[in-house]
Amino acid sequence: MEVKIGVQHAPREIVLESGESVEEVERLVSDALSGKTQLLSLKDEKGRKVLVPTDRLAYVEIGEPTVRKVGFGTL
């Protein structure tokens, strides 16, 4: 699943592919925003960990990855 994280005062968003479920990512974001943790911590499919301070979160977009179409279309 694709997760996009907007960070305040940063020109680009963080995009990662997570193996976690939508509900799990939602819970982690909710815990971070409610003050239970100081950092939003997500792990991508390659095992890398992304840590974002909760006071710098602008938005989190959770969605399915877009599949790139390769090949020739019909004329």
PDB file of N, CA and C in Angstrom:
ATOM      1  N   MET A   1       0.842  -1.152   0.000  1.00  0.00           N
ATOM      2  CA  MET A   1       0.000   0.000   0.000  1.00  0.00           C
ATOM      3  C   MET A   1       0.897   1.228   0.000  1.00  0.00           C
ATOM      4  N   GLU A   2       0.467   2.260  -0.720  1.00  0.00           N
ATOM      5  CA  GLU A   2       1.239   3.498  -0.824  1.00  0.00           C
ATOM      6  C   GLU A   2       0.821   4.480   0.266  1.00  0.00           C
ATOM      7  N   VAL A   3       1.810   5.071   0.942  1.00  0.00           N
ATOM      8  CA  VAL A   3       1.563   6.061   1.985  1.00  0.00           C
ATOM      9  C   VAL A   3       2.348   7.322   1.614  1.00  0.00           C
ATOM     10  N   LYS A   4       1.659   8.466   1.575  1.00  0.00           N
ATOM     11  CA  LYS A   4       2.300   9.754   1.315  1.00  0.00           C
ATOM     12  C   LYS A   4       2.203  10.589   2.576  1.00  0.00           C
ATOM     13  N   ILE A   5       3.336  11.152   2.996  1.00  0.00           N
ATOM     14  CA  ILE A   5       3.377  11.948   4.212  1.00  0.00           C
ATOM     15  C   ILE A   5       3.851  13.350   3.855  1.00  0.00           C
ATOM     16  N   GLY A   6       3.025  14.336   4.155  1.00  0.00           N
ATOM     17  CA  GLY A   6       3.409  15.723   3.967  1.00  0.00           C
ATOM     18  C   GLY A   6       4.038  16.240   5.241  1.00  0.00           C
ATOM     19  N   VAL A   7       5.195  16.898   5.106  1.00  0.00           N
ATOM     20  CA  VAL A   7       5.924  17.427   6.251  1.00  0.00           C
ATOM     21  C   VAL A   7       5.968  18.946   6.134  1.00  0.00           C
ATOM     22  N   GLN A   8       5.632  19.635   7.214  1.00  0.00           N
ATOM     23  CA  GLN A   8       5.643  21.095   7.214  1.00  0.00           C
ATOM     24  C   GLN A   8       7.052  21.605   6.910  1.00  0.00           C
ATOM     25  N   HIS A   9       7.117  22.670   6.124  1.00  0.00           N
ATOM     26  CA  HIS A   9       8.361  23.347   5.755  1.00  0.00           C
ATOM     27  C   HIS A   9       9.305  22.463   4.942  1.00  0.00           C
ATOM     28  N   ALA A  10       8.777  21.435   4.303  1.00  0.00           N
ATOM     29  CA  ALA A  10       9.561  20.571   3.421  1.00  0.00           C
ATOM     30  C   ALA A  10       8.949  20.653   2.029  1.00  0.00           C
ATOM     31  N   PRO A  11       9.774  20.861   0.993  1.00  0.00           N
ATOM     32  CA  PRO A  11       9.220  21.052  -0.348  1.00  0.00           C
ATOM     33  C   PRO A  11       8.619  19.795  -0.974  1.00  0.00           C
ATOM     34  N   ARG A  12       9.028  18.610  -0.506  1.00  0.00           N
ATOM     35  CA  ARG A  12       8.528  17.372  -1.096  1.00  0.00           C
ATOM     36  C   ARG A  12       7.902  16.492  -0.035  1.00  0.00           C
ATOM     37  N   GLU A  13       6.976  15.649  -0.477  1.00  0.00           N
ATOM     38  CA  GLU A  13       6.345  14.706   0.431  1.00  0.00           C
ATOM     39  C   GLU A  13       7.172  13.422   0.487  1.00  0.00           C
ATOM     40  N   ILE A  14       6.972  12.650   1.529  1.00  0.00           N
ATOM     41  CA  ILE A  14       7.617  11.348   1.675  1.00  0.00           C
ATOM     42  C   ILE A  14       6.644  10.311   1.142  1.00  0.00           C
ATOM     43  N   VAL A  15       7.111   9.473   0.222  1.00  0.00           N
ATOM     44  CA  VAL A  15       6.270   8.422  -0.356  1.00  0.00           C
ATOM     45  C   VAL A  15       6.940   7.086  -0.074  1.00  0.00           C
ATOM     46  N   LEU A  16       6.168   6.143   0.488  1.00  0.00           N
ATOM     47  CA  LEU A  16       6.717   4.820   0.743  1.00  0.00           C
ATOM     48  C   LEU A  16       5.665   3.758   0.497  1.00  0.00           C
ATOM     49  N   GLU A  17       6.141   2.574   0.186  1.00  0.00           N
ATOM     50  CA  GLU A  17       5.284   1.407   0.011  1.00  0.00           C
ATOM     51  C   GLU A  17       5.347   0.606   1.304  1.00  0.00           C
ATOM     52  N   SER A  18       4.222   0.486   1.976  1.00  0.00           N
ATOM     53  CA  SER A  18       4.165  -0.205   3.254  1.00  0.00           C
ATOM     54  C   SER A  18       3.457  -1.545   3.106  1.00  0.00           C
ATOM     55  N   GLY A  19       3.944  -2.539   3.824  1.00  0.00           N
ATOM     56  CA  GLY A  19       3.315  -3.849   3.830  1.00  0.00           C
ATOM     57  C   GLY A  19       2.234  -3.965   4.887  1.00  0.00           C
ATOM     58  N   GLU A  20       2.054  -2.897   5.697  1.00  0.00           N
ATOM     59  CA  GLU A  20       1.055  -2.907   6.754  1.00  0.00           C
ATOM     60  C   GLU A  20      -0.334  -2.649   6.185  1.00  0.00           C
ATOM     61  N   SER A  21      -1.343  -3.017   6.937  1.00  0.00           N
ATOM     62  CA  SER A  21      -2.719  -2.817   6.485  1.00  0.00           C
ATOM     63  C   SER A  21      -3.124  -1.358   6.653  1.00  0.00           C
ATOM     64  N   VAL A  22      -4.216  -0.980   6.001  1.00  0.00           N
ATOM     65  CA  VAL A  22      -4.739   0.379   6.105  1.00  0.00           C
ATOM     66  C   VAL A  22      -5.087   0.695   7.558  1.00  0.00           C
ATOM     67  N   GLU A  23      -5.693  -0.250   8.248  1.00  0.00           N
ATOM     68  CA  GLU A  23      -6.094  -0.050   9.636  1.00  0.00           C
ATOM     69  C   GLU A  23      -4.886   0.170  10.536  1.00  0.00           C
ATOM     70  N   GLU A  24      -3.801  -0.572  10.302  1.00  0.00           N
ATOM     71  CA  GLU A  24      -2.596  -0.438  11.111  1.00  0.00           C
ATOM     72  C   GLU A  24      -1.941   0.928  10.896  1.00  0.00           C
ATOM     73  N   VAL A  25      -1.845   1.377   9.650  1.00  0.00           N
ATOM     74  CA  VAL A  25      -1.271   2.694   9.369  1.00  0.00           C
ATOM     75  C   VAL A  25      -2.145   3.780   9.977  1.00  0.00           C
ATOM     76  N   GLU A  26      -3.449   3.634   9.858  1.00  0.00           N
ATOM     77  CA  GLU A  26      -4.386   4.594  10.452  1.00  0.00           C
ATOM     78  C   GLU A  26      -4.214   4.672  11.966  1.00  0.00           C
ATOM     79  N   ARG A  27      -4.047   3.541  12.604  1.00  0.00           N
ATOM     80  CA  ARG A  27      -3.853   3.511  14.059  1.00  0.00           C
ATOM     81  C   ARG A  27      -2.558   4.203  14.450  1.00  0.00           C
ATOM     82  N   LEU A  28      -1.470   3.948  13.714  1.00  0.00           N
ATOM     83  CA  LEU A  28      -0.185   4.581  14.007  1.00  0.00           C
ATOM     84  C   LEU A  28      -0.264   6.102  13.855  1.00  0.00           C
ATOM     85  N   VAL A  29      -0.936   6.569  12.806  1.00  0.00           N
ATOM     86  CA  VAL A  29      -1.098   8.010  12.587  1.00  0.00           C
ATOM     87  C   VAL A  29      -1.965   8.606  13.685  1.00  0.00           C
ATOM     88  N   SER A  30      -3.044   7.934  14.040  1.00  0.00           N
ATOM     89  CA  SER A  30      -3.940   8.416  15.085  1.00  0.00           C
ATOM     90  C   SER A  30      -3.226   8.506  16.432  1.00  0.00           C
ATOM     91  N   ASP A  31      -2.427   7.486  16.765  1.00  0.00           N
ATOM     92  CA  ASP A  31      -1.659   7.507  18.009  1.00  0.00           C
ATOM     93  C   ASP A  31      -0.672   8.665  18.027  1.00  0.00           C
ATOM     94  N   ALA A  32      -0.030   8.912  16.894  1.00  0.00           N
ATOM     95  CA  ALA A  32       0.936  10.011  16.817  1.00  0.00           C
ATOM     96  C   ALA A  32       0.251  11.361  16.979  1.00  0.00           C
ATOM     97  N   LEU A  33      -0.893  11.532  16.343  1.00  0.00           N
ATOM     98  CA  LEU A  33      -1.580  12.826  16.405  1.00  0.00           C
ATOM     99  C   LEU A  33      -2.273  13.061  17.747  1.00  0.00           C
ATOM    100  N   SER A  34      -2.620  11.995  18.445  1.00  0.00           N
ATOM    101  CA  SER A  34      -3.280  12.154  19.747  1.00  0.00           C
ATOM    102  C   SER A  34      -2.289  12.428  20.873  1.00  0.00           C
ATOM    103  N   GLY A  35      -0.994  12.344  20.572  1.00  0.00           N
ATOM    104  CA  GLY A  35       0.026  12.639  21.573  1.00  0.00           C
ATOM    105  C   GLY A  35       0.553  11.427  22.306  1.00  0.00           C
ATOM    106  N   LYS A  36       0.138  10.223  21.903  1.00  0.00           N
ATOM    107  CA  LYS A  36       0.625   9.006  22.561  1.00  0.00           C
ATOM    108  C   LYS A  36       2.102   8.764  22.256  1.00  0.00           C
ATOM    109  N   THR A  37       2.554   9.218  21.084  1.00  0.00           N
ATOM    110  CA  THR A  37       3.961   9.091  20.709  1.00  0.00           C
ATOM    111  C   THR A  37       4.450  10.424  20.155  1.00  0.00           C
ATOM    112  N   GLN A  38       5.753  10.647  20.204  1.00  0.00           N
ATOM    113  CA  GLN A  38       6.350  11.873  19.692  1.00  0.00           C
ATOM    114  C   GLN A  38       6.700  11.757  18.205  1.00  0.00           C
ATOM    115  N   LEU A  39       6.793  10.520  17.702  1.00  0.00           N
ATOM    116  CA  LEU A  39       7.185  10.276  16.322  1.00  0.00           C
ATOM    117  C   LEU A  39       6.174   9.378  15.625  1.00  0.00           C
ATOM    118  N   LEU A  40       5.943   9.657  14.341  1.00  0.00           N
ATOM    119  CA  LEU A  40       5.214   8.728  13.494  1.00  0.00           C
ATOM    120  C   LEU A  40       6.257   7.800  12.901  1.00  0.00           C
ATOM    121  N   SER A  41       6.147   6.528  13.166  1.00  0.00           N
ATOM    122  CA  SER A  41       7.131   5.547  12.721  1.00  0.00           C
ATOM    123  C   SER A  41       6.461   4.544  11.800  1.00  0.00           C
ATOM    124  N   LEU A  42       6.910   4.498  10.535  1.00  0.00           N
ATOM    125  CA  LEU A  42       6.390   3.546   9.555  1.00  0.00           C
ATOM    126  C   LEU A  42       7.550   2.792   8.933  1.00  0.00           C
ATOM    127  N   LYS A  43       7.304   1.526   8.581  1.00  0.00           N
ATOM    128  CA  LYS A  43       8.328   0.702   7.950  1.00  0.00           C
ATOM    129  C   LYS A  43       7.883   0.390   6.531  1.00  0.00           C
ATOM    130  N   ASP A  44       8.795   0.530   5.558  1.00  0.00           N
ATOM    131  CA  ASP A  44       8.434   0.227   4.181  1.00  0.00           C
ATOM    132  C   ASP A  44       8.665  -1.249   3.877  1.00  0.00           C
ATOM    133  N   GLU A  45       8.352  -1.646   2.649  1.00  0.00           N
ATOM    134  CA  GLU A  45       8.443  -3.065   2.262  1.00  0.00           C
ATOM    135  C   GLU A  45       9.869  -3.589   2.241  1.00  0.00           C
ATOM    136  N   LYS A  46      10.860  -2.705   2.150  1.00  0.00           N
ATOM    137  CA  LYS A  46      12.262  -3.122   2.128  1.00  0.00           C
ATOM    138  C   LYS A  46      12.875  -3.137   3.524  1.00  0.00           C
ATOM    139  N   GLY A  47      12.071  -2.855   4.544  1.00  0.00           N
ATOM    140  CA  GLY A  47      12.546  -2.902   5.914  1.00  0.00           C
ATOM    141  C   GLY A  47      13.101  -1.590   6.443  1.00  0.00           C
ATOM    142  N   ARG A  48      13.092  -0.543   5.614  1.00  0.00           N
ATOM    143  CA  ARG A  48      13.571   0.762   6.074  1.00  0.00           C
ATOM    144  C   ARG A  48      12.507   1.414   6.938  1.00  0.00           C
ATOM    145  N   LYS A  49      12.933   2.171   7.933  1.00  0.00           N
ATOM    146  CA  LYS A  49      12.008   2.830   8.843  1.00  0.00           C
ATOM    147  C   LYS A  49      12.024   4.333   8.580  1.00  0.00           C
ATOM    148  N   VAL A  50      10.837   4.932   8.532  1.00  0.00           N
ATOM    149  CA  VAL A  50      10.679   6.370   8.345  1.00  0.00           C
ATOM    150  C   VAL A  50      10.113   6.943   9.642  1.00  0.00           C
ATOM    151  N   LEU A  51      10.815   7.930  10.205  1.00  0.00           N
ATOM    152  CA  LEU A  51      10.384   8.584  11.438  1.00  0.00           C
ATOM    153  C   LEU A  51      10.118  10.047  11.146  1.00  0.00           C
ATOM    154  N   VAL A  52       8.928  10.525  11.524  1.00  0.00           N
ATOM    155  CA  VAL A  52       8.556  11.925  11.318  1.00  0.00           C
ATOM    156  C   VAL A  52       8.058  12.475  12.646  1.00  0.00           C
ATOM    157  N   PRO A  53       8.604  13.597  13.113  1.00  0.00           N
ATOM    158  CA  PRO A  53       8.086  14.203  14.345  1.00  0.00           C
ATOM    159  C   PRO A  53       6.618  14.598  14.152  1.00  0.00           C
ATOM    160  N   THR A  54       5.783  14.290  15.127  1.00  0.00           N
ATOM    161  CA  THR A  54       4.350  14.526  14.975  1.00  0.00           C
ATOM    162  C   THR A  54       4.003  15.999  14.864  1.00  0.00           C
ATOM    163  N   ASP A  55       4.822  16.876  15.439  1.00  0.00           N
ATOM    164  CA  ASP A  55       4.522  18.309  15.342  1.00  0.00           C
ATOM    165  C   ASP A  55       4.836  18.875  13.965  1.00  0.00           C
ATOM    166  N   ARG A  56       5.458  18.079  13.083  1.00  0.00           N
ATOM    167  CA  ARG A  56       5.771  18.510  11.717  1.00  0.00           C
ATOM    168  C   ARG A  56       4.876  17.883  10.664  1.00  0.00           C
ATOM    169  N   LEU A  57       3.939  17.028  11.070  1.00  0.00           N
ATOM    170  CA  LEU A  57       3.035  16.382  10.105  1.00  0.00           C
ATOM    171  C   LEU A  57       2.072  17.396   9.512  1.00  0.00           C
ATOM    172  N   ALA A  58       1.983  17.417   8.187  1.00  0.00           N
ATOM    173  CA  ALA A  58       1.000  18.257   7.506  1.00  0.00           C
ATOM    174  C   ALA A  58      -0.198  17.398   7.095  1.00  0.00           C
ATOM    175  N   TYR A  59       0.057  16.231   6.505  1.00  0.00           N
ATOM    176  CA  TYR A  59      -1.010  15.307   6.110  1.00  0.00           C
ATOM    177  C   TYR A  59      -0.432  13.922   5.891  1.00  0.00           C
ATOM    178  N   VAL A  60      -1.298  12.929   5.924  1.00  0.00           N
ATOM    179  CA  VAL A  60      -0.935  11.548   5.599  1.00  0.00           C
ATOM    180  C   VAL A  60      -2.001  11.021   4.662  1.00  0.00           C
ATOM    181  N   GLU A  61      -1.574  10.573   3.495  1.00  0.00           N
ATOM    182  CA  GLU A  61      -2.496  10.018   2.496  1.00  0.00           C
ATOM    183  C   GLU A  61      -2.236   8.529   2.390  1.00  0.00           C
ATOM    184  N   ILE A  62      -3.275   7.737   2.600  1.00  0.00           N
ATOM    185  CA  ILE A  62      -3.168   6.282   2.563  1.00  0.00           C
ATOM    186  C   ILE A  62      -3.960   5.786   1.367  1.00  0.00           C
ATOM    187  N   GLY A  63      -3.323   4.998   0.503  1.00  0.00           N
ATOM    188  CA  GLY A  63      -4.031   4.500  -0.662  1.00  0.00           C
ATOM    189  C   GLY A  63      -3.336   3.320  -1.292  1.00  0.00           C
ATOM    190  N   GLU A  64      -3.969   2.787  -2.282  1.00  0.00           N
ATOM    191  CA  GLU A  64      -3.402   1.674  -3.034  1.00  0.00           C
ATOM    192  C   GLU A  64      -2.386   2.206  -4.037  1.00  0.00           C
ATOM    193  N   PRO A  65      -1.343   1.439  -4.330  1.00  0.00           N
ATOM    194  CA  PRO A  65      -0.358   1.901  -5.305  1.00  0.00           C
ATOM    195  C   PRO A  65      -0.952   1.964  -6.706  1.00  0.00           C
ATOM    196  N   THR A  66      -0.498   2.917  -7.485  1.00  0.00           N
ATOM    197  CA  THR A  66      -0.955   3.013  -8.866  1.00  0.00           C
ATOM    198  C   THR A  66      -0.112   2.073  -9.714  1.00  0.00           C
ATOM    199  N   VAL A  67      -0.778   1.347 -10.566  1.00  0.00           N
ATOM    200  CA  VAL A  67      -0.094   0.391 -11.432  1.00  0.00           C
ATOM    201  C   VAL A  67       0.235   1.091 -12.741  1.00  0.00           C
ATOM    202  N   ARG A  68       1.518   1.069 -13.093  1.00  0.00           N
ATOM    203  CA  ARG A  68       1.941   1.689 -14.345  1.00  0.00           C
ATOM    204  C   ARG A  68       1.626   0.765 -15.494  1.00  0.00           C
ATOM    205  N   LYS A  69       1.010   1.336 -16.519  1.00  0.00           N
ATOM    206  CA  LYS A  69       0.684   0.545 -17.693  1.00  0.00           C
ATOM    207  C   LYS A  69       1.862   0.603 -18.662  1.00  0.00           C
ATOM    208  N   VAL A  70       2.263  -0.572 -19.117  1.00  0.00           N
ATOM    209  CA  VAL A  70       3.396  -0.678 -20.035  1.00  0.00           C
ATOM    210  C   VAL A  70       2.906  -1.402 -21.278  1.00  0.00           C
ATOM    211  N   GLY A  71       3.305  -0.897 -22.416  1.00  0.00           N
ATOM    212  CA  GLY A  71       2.931  -1.560 -23.647  1.00  0.00           C
ATOM    213  C   GLY A  71       2.295  -0.591 -24.625  1.00  0.00           C
ATOM    214  N   PHE A  72       1.771  -1.129 -25.673  1.00  0.00           N
ATOM    215  CA  PHE A  72       1.169  -0.324 -26.713  1.00  0.00           C
ATOM    216  C   PHE A  72      -0.351  -0.347 -26.588  1.00  0.00           C
ATOM    217  N   GLY A  73      -0.956   0.778 -26.763  1.00  0.00           N
ATOM    218  CA  GLY A  73      -2.411   0.845 -26.734  1.00  0.00           C
ATOM    219  C   GLY A  73      -2.983   0.585 -28.107  1.00  0.00           C
ATOM    220  N   THR A  74      -4.254   0.435 -28.192  1.00  0.00           N
ATOM    221  CA  THR A  74      -4.902   0.225 -29.485  1.00  0.00           C
ATOM    222  C   THR A  74      -5.014   1.560 -30.215  1.00  0.00           C
ATOM    223  N   LEU A  75      -4.925   1.504 -31.497  1.00  0.00           N
ATOM    224  CA  LEU A  75      -5.011   2.717 -32.321  1.00  0.00           C
ATOM    225  C   LEU A  75      -6.378   2.935 -32.844  1.00  0.00           C
TER     226      LEU A  75
END
